[in-house]
């Protein structure tokens, strides 16, 4: 495992190098067995050639290339377009490069219907970077916090004024009444 952690900076460098290439679809890691899965949308993108003559050649034994029909950049562009251009407020959205899909969560069935209609119209007129059947709409309530609380806020300070403890994720408790709060980061004292 230590060896794989040592390779992480090289994996990041490989991803940056490939991202500049036409035909790069994305990259992710698998750990059992350890593989660097590179996704390509064009057969002429030779991932191993990008390694030759560089220190990235250390990664060669771990590279597995898979062909996909939708690139990560197109999935991200579609999610951004939906979020910015549709009149439906998204609770959340995510890109899954493994399945080549975008999943968005909305609050109500009516929002889901309105968003599906907008997506179909957007596909017909051209602003979506992916086919509409690659977009999954789900219902989700989401969290609306009443206070300005979010991760990274200073919760208390040390004598010198530096943060001793910061907030983590925003949370909502719904059992026994509704309460909002934040988790604390692992470096906080009890």
Protein backbone atom coordinates (compact mmCIF):
# COMPACT_ATOMS: atom_id res chain seq x y z
CA UNK A 1 0.00 0.00 0.00
CA UNK A 2 2.86 2.38 0.80
CA UNK A 3 4.13 2.03 -2.77
CA UNK A 4 0.74 3.02 -4.16
CA UNK A 5 0.65 6.11 -1.98
CA UNK A 6 4.10 7.06 -3.27
CA UNK A 7 2.74 6.85 -6.82
CA UNK A 8 -0.12 9.29 -6.16
CA UNK A 9 1.79 12.43 -7.25
CA UNK A 10 2.73 10.71 -10.50
CA UNK A 11 -0.89 9.71 -11.09
CA UNK A 12 -1.89 13.37 -10.69
CA UNK A 13 0.83 14.38 -13.14
CA UNK A 14 -0.37 11.76 -15.62
CA UNK A 15 -3.94 13.00 -15.33
CA UNK A 16 -2.85 16.60 -15.96
CA UNK A 17 -0.79 15.54 -18.98
CA UNK A 18 -3.60 13.47 -20.50
CA UNK A 19 -6.26 16.11 -19.81
CA UNK A 20 -4.59 18.29 -22.43
CA UNK A 21 -5.03 15.57 -25.07
CA UNK A 22 -8.01 15.21 -27.41
CA UNK A 23 -9.68 11.91 -26.68
CA UNK A 24 -9.00 11.79 -22.94
CA UNK A 25 -12.12 10.57 -21.13
CA UNK A 26 -11.00 10.58 -17.50
CA UNK A 27 -8.94 8.63 -14.98
CA UNK A 28 -9.64 6.80 -11.74
CA UNK A 29 -7.94 4.30 -9.44
CA UNK A 30 -8.93 0.77 -8.50
CA UNK A 31 -7.26 -0.80 -5.48
CA UNK A 32 -8.00 -4.54 -5.64
CA UNK A 33 -5.84 -5.12 -7.65
CA UNK A 34 -4.18 -1.73 -7.95
CA UNK A 35 -4.87 -0.20 -11.37
CA UNK A 36 -4.81 3.23 -12.91
CA UNK A 37 -7.81 3.13 -15.21
CA UNK A 38 -7.50 5.63 -18.02
CA UNK A 39 -10.60 6.30 -20.09
CA UNK A 40 -10.22 7.36 -23.71
CA UNK A 41 -12.77 8.35 -26.32
CA UNK A 42 -10.43 8.06 -29.29
CA UNK A 43 -8.44 5.01 -30.32
CA UNK A 44 -5.54 7.13 -31.45
CA UNK A 45 -4.80 8.39 -27.91
CA UNK A 46 -1.93 6.18 -26.77
CA UNK A 47 -1.74 6.51 -22.99
CA UNK A 48 1.46 4.49 -22.71
CA UNK A 49 3.19 6.78 -25.21
CA UNK A 50 2.58 9.67 -22.81
CA UNK A 51 4.68 7.80 -20.23
CA UNK A 52 7.73 7.08 -22.38
CA UNK A 53 10.93 8.90 -21.53
CA UNK A 54 9.50 10.46 -18.35
CA UNK A 55 9.42 9.50 -14.71
CA UNK A 56 5.78 8.61 -15.37
CA UNK A 57 7.09 5.37 -16.93
CA UNK A 58 6.95 3.93 -13.37
CA UNK A 59 3.18 3.83 -13.76
CA UNK A 60 3.20 1.65 -16.90
CA UNK A 61 2.64 -1.71 -15.13
CA UNK A 62 -0.50 -0.34 -13.48
CA UNK A 63 -2.15 1.31 -16.51
CA UNK A 64 -5.35 -0.13 -17.89
CA UNK A 65 -6.99 1.72 -20.78
CA UNK A 66 -10.73 1.49 -21.39
CA UNK A 67 -12.72 3.03 -24.22
CA UNK A 68 -15.75 5.18 -23.38
CA UNK A 69 -18.12 7.18 -25.54
CA UNK A 70 -18.45 10.21 -23.23
CA UNK A 71 -15.52 12.16 -21.77
CA UNK A 72 -15.43 13.48 -18.21
CA UNK A 73 -15.14 17.05 -19.52
CA UNK A 74 -18.41 16.63 -21.46
CA UNK A 75 -20.17 15.23 -18.39
CA UNK A 76 -18.95 18.17 -16.28
CA UNK A 77 -20.02 20.63 -19.00
CA UNK A 78 -23.52 19.07 -19.12
CA UNK A 79 -23.91 19.32 -15.34
CA UNK A 80 -22.79 22.95 -15.38
CA UNK A 81 -25.22 23.75 -18.20
CA UNK A 82 -28.14 22.11 -16.39
CA UNK A 83 -27.34 23.91 -13.15
CA UNK A 84 -26.81 27.31 -14.77
CA UNK A 85 -29.47 27.27 -17.48
CA UNK A 86 -32.49 25.29 -16.31
CA UNK A 87 -35.10 27.01 -14.15
CA UNK A 88 -35.15 24.07 -11.74
CA UNK A 89 -33.11 24.40 -8.55
CA UNK A 90 -30.87 21.37 -8.13
CA UNK A 91 -30.37 19.89 -4.68
CA UNK A 92 -27.18 18.20 -5.84
CA UNK A 93 -25.49 16.99 -8.98
CA UNK A 94 -22.67 14.55 -9.68
CA UNK A 95 -20.67 13.11 -12.54
CA UNK A 96 -19.86 9.40 -12.75
CA UNK A 97 -17.09 8.81 -15.28
CA UNK A 98 -17.29 5.03 -14.89
CA UNK A 99 -20.88 4.84 -16.12
CA UNK A 100 -20.72 8.00 -18.25
CA UNK A 101 -23.69 9.58 -16.51
CA UNK A 102 -24.73 12.77 -14.77
CA UNK A 103 -27.11 12.41 -11.82
CA UNK A 104 -29.05 15.38 -10.49
CA UNK A 105 -31.34 15.55 -7.48
CA UNK A 106 -34.41 17.80 -7.34
CA UNK A 107 -36.93 18.42 -4.59
CA UNK A 108 -40.31 17.45 -6.06
CA UNK A 109 -41.80 15.23 -8.78
CA UNK A 110 -42.95 18.43 -10.51
CA UNK A 111 -39.35 19.69 -10.55
CA UNK A 112 -38.27 16.35 -12.05
CA UNK A 113 -40.87 16.66 -14.83
CA UNK A 114 -39.92 20.27 -15.57
CA UNK A 115 -36.22 19.39 -15.63
CA UNK A 116 -36.74 16.37 -17.92
CA UNK A 117 -38.69 18.60 -20.35
CA UNK A 118 -35.92 21.21 -20.24
CA UNK A 119 -33.22 18.55 -20.82
CA UNK A 120 -35.09 17.08 -23.81
CA UNK A 121 -35.51 20.55 -25.33
CA UNK A 122 -31.87 21.42 -24.64
CA UNK A 123 -30.69 18.23 -26.32
CA UNK A 124 -32.77 19.05 -29.40
CA UNK A 125 -31.40 22.59 -29.61
CA UNK A 126 -27.79 21.67 -28.90
CA UNK A 127 -26.44 23.12 -25.62
CA UNK A 128 -26.03 19.76 -23.85
CA UNK A 129 -22.66 18.10 -24.32
CA UNK A 130 -24.06 14.57 -23.79
CA UNK A 131 -27.17 12.63 -24.86
CA UNK A 132 -30.15 13.17 -22.57
CA UNK A 133 -30.35 9.46 -21.76
CA UNK A 134 -27.06 9.90 -19.87
CA UNK A 135 -28.77 12.24 -17.38
CA UNK A 136 -30.48 10.64 -14.38
CA UNK A 137 -32.95 12.67 -12.31
CA UNK A 138 -33.65 11.64 -8.71
CA UNK A 139 -35.75 13.08 -5.92
CA UNK A 140 -33.96 14.30 -2.81
CA UNK A 141 -34.99 16.70 -0.09
CA UNK A 142 -31.60 18.27 0.39
CA UNK A 143 -30.64 20.37 3.34
CA UNK A 144 -31.50 23.99 3.87
CA UNK A 145 -29.61 25.44 6.81
CA UNK A 146 -31.03 28.37 8.74
CA UNK A 147 -27.62 29.63 9.81
CA UNK A 148 -24.43 30.47 7.98
CA UNK A 149 -22.67 27.25 8.86
CA UNK A 150 -20.37 25.31 6.59
CA UNK A 151 -17.10 23.40 6.66
CA UNK A 152 -13.93 25.27 7.57
CA UNK A 153 -15.35 27.83 10.02
CA UNK A 154 -13.19 28.55 13.08
CA UNK A 155 -14.99 27.16 16.12
CA UNK A 156 -12.43 28.26 18.69
CA UNK A 157 -8.96 29.74 18.66
CA UNK A 158 -5.68 29.04 20.33
CA UNK A 159 -3.99 31.68 22.49
CA UNK A 160 -2.04 32.97 19.47
CA UNK A 161 -5.29 33.46 17.51
CA UNK A 162 -4.82 30.54 15.11
CA UNK A 163 -7.74 28.14 14.70
CA UNK A 164 -7.72 25.21 17.10
CA UNK A 165 -10.84 23.57 15.75
CA UNK A 166 -12.83 24.03 12.54
CA UNK A 167 -16.25 22.91 11.45
CA UNK A 168 -16.69 19.93 9.14
CA UNK A 169 -19.79 18.89 7.18
CA UNK A 170 -23.16 20.59 7.61
CA UNK A 171 -25.69 18.14 9.06
CA UNK A 172 -29.39 18.01 9.74
CA UNK A 173 -31.08 15.83 12.37
CA UNK A 174 -34.68 14.95 11.63
CA UNK A 175 -35.49 12.44 14.39
CA UNK A 176 -37.07 14.03 17.45
CA UNK A 177 -37.48 17.39 15.75
CA UNK A 178 -35.41 19.15 13.15
CA UNK A 179 -32.03 20.57 14.17
CA UNK A 180 -29.15 21.85 12.06
CA UNK A 181 -25.50 21.70 12.97
CA UNK A 182 -22.00 20.84 11.86
CA UNK A 183 -19.62 18.01 12.50
CA UNK A 184 -16.24 18.90 13.85
CA UNK A 185 -13.00 18.05 12.12
CA UNK A 186 -10.82 15.23 13.47
CA UNK A 187 -8.25 17.59 14.99
CA UNK A 188 -10.76 19.10 17.43
CA UNK A 189 -10.61 18.33 21.15
CA UNK A 190 -13.74 16.85 22.68
